C-alpha atoms as a PDB file:
ATOM      1  CA  MET A   1      77.843 -30.910 -71.898  1.00  0.00           C
ATOM      2  CA  SER A   2      76.674 -28.715 -69.283  1.00  0.00           C
ATOM      3  CA  LEU A   3      73.838 -26.053 -69.894  1.00  0.00           C
ATOM      4  CA  CYS A   4      76.484 -23.373 -68.545  1.00  0.00           C
ATOM      5  CA  PHE A   5      78.735 -24.153 -71.134  1.00  0.00           C
ATOM      6  CA  GLN A   6      76.028 -24.007 -73.948  1.00  0.00           C
ATOM      7  CA  LEU A   7      75.049 -20.596 -72.859  1.00  0.00           C
ATOM      8  CA  GLU A   8      78.760 -19.649 -72.975  1.00  0.00           C
ATOM      9  CA  CYS A   9      78.895 -20.678 -76.547  1.00  0.00           C
ATOM     10  CA  ASN A  10      75.645 -18.881 -77.610  1.00  0.00           C
ATOM     11  CA  ARG A  11      77.198 -15.702 -76.033  1.00  0.00           C
ATOM     12  CA  TYR A  12      79.959 -15.461 -77.670  1.00  0.00           C
ATOM     13  CA  ASN A  13      77.899 -16.636 -80.970  1.00  0.00           C
ATOM     14  CA  MET A  14      80.863 -19.439 -81.657  1.00  0.00           C
ATOM     15  CA  ASP A  15      80.197 -21.438 -84.596  1.00  0.00           C
ATOM     16  CA  GLU A  16      79.537 -25.215 -84.416  1.00  0.00           C
ATOM     17  CA  LEU A  17      82.999 -26.389 -85.070  1.00  0.00           C
ATOM     18  CA  ILE A  18      85.102 -24.066 -82.232  1.00  0.00           C
ATOM     19  CA  CYS A  19      82.070 -24.761 -79.866  1.00  0.00           C
ATOM     20  CA  SER A  20      82.718 -28.460 -80.266  1.00  0.00           C
ATOM     21  CA  ALA A  21      86.047 -28.284 -80.103  1.00  0.00           C
ATOM     22  CA  PHE A  22      85.549 -26.715 -76.704  1.00  0.00           C
ATOM     23  CA  LYS A  23      83.321 -29.371 -75.897  1.00  0.00           C
ATOM     24  CA  VAL A  24      86.163 -32.170 -76.267  1.00  0.00           C
ATOM     25  CA  LEU A  25      88.364 -29.690 -74.209  1.00  0.00           C
ATOM     26  CA  ASP A  26      85.848 -29.681 -71.612  1.00  0.00           C
ATOM     27  CA  TYR A  27      85.315 -32.999 -71.342  1.00  0.00           C
ATOM     28  CA  ASN A  28      88.999 -33.892 -71.377  1.00  0.00           C
ATOM     29  CA  ARG A  29      89.815 -31.823 -68.491  1.00  0.00           C
ATOM     30  CA  ARG A  30      87.300 -33.267 -66.465  1.00  0.00           C
ATOM     31  CA  PHE A  31      88.344 -36.514 -67.692  1.00  0.00           C
ATOM     32  CA  LEU A  32      92.006 -35.740 -66.421  1.00  0.00           C
ATOM     33  CA  LYS A  33      91.290 -34.596 -63.078  1.00  0.00           C
ATOM     34  CA  MET A  34      89.515 -37.545 -62.216  1.00  0.00           C
ATOM     35  CA  ASN A  35      92.520 -39.661 -63.679  1.00  0.00           C
ATOM     36  CA  ILE A  36      94.488 -37.169 -61.368  1.00  0.00           C
ATOM     37  CA  ALA A  37      92.437 -37.783 -58.283  1.00  0.00           C
ATOM     38  CA  GLY A  38      92.380 -41.545 -58.791  1.00  0.00           C
ATOM     39  CA  LEU A  39      96.168 -41.456 -59.484  1.00  0.00           C
ATOM     40  CA  LEU A  40      96.451 -39.744 -55.892  1.00  0.00           C
ATOM     41  CA  VAL A  41      93.760 -42.474 -54.143  1.00  0.00           C
ATOM     42  CA  ILE A  42      95.906 -45.200 -55.148  1.00  0.00           C
ATOM     43  CA  SER A  43      99.618 -43.572 -54.204  1.00  0.00           C
ATOM     44  CA  HIS A  44      97.962 -42.947 -50.784  1.00  0.00           C
ATOM     45  CA  THR A  45      96.980 -46.488 -50.238  1.00  0.00           C
ATOM     46  CA  ASP A  46     100.128 -48.497 -50.764  1.00  0.00           C
END
């Protein structure tokens, strides 16, 4: 989890549950971006 995101959690005084839910969403979004980038690379090489 990035420091920036940690500050965001603290700024909004989110409780731990909400914060961890956002952590999961943030992780999934980054993972999805990597997968999309990977698919684009694969589709351009065939």
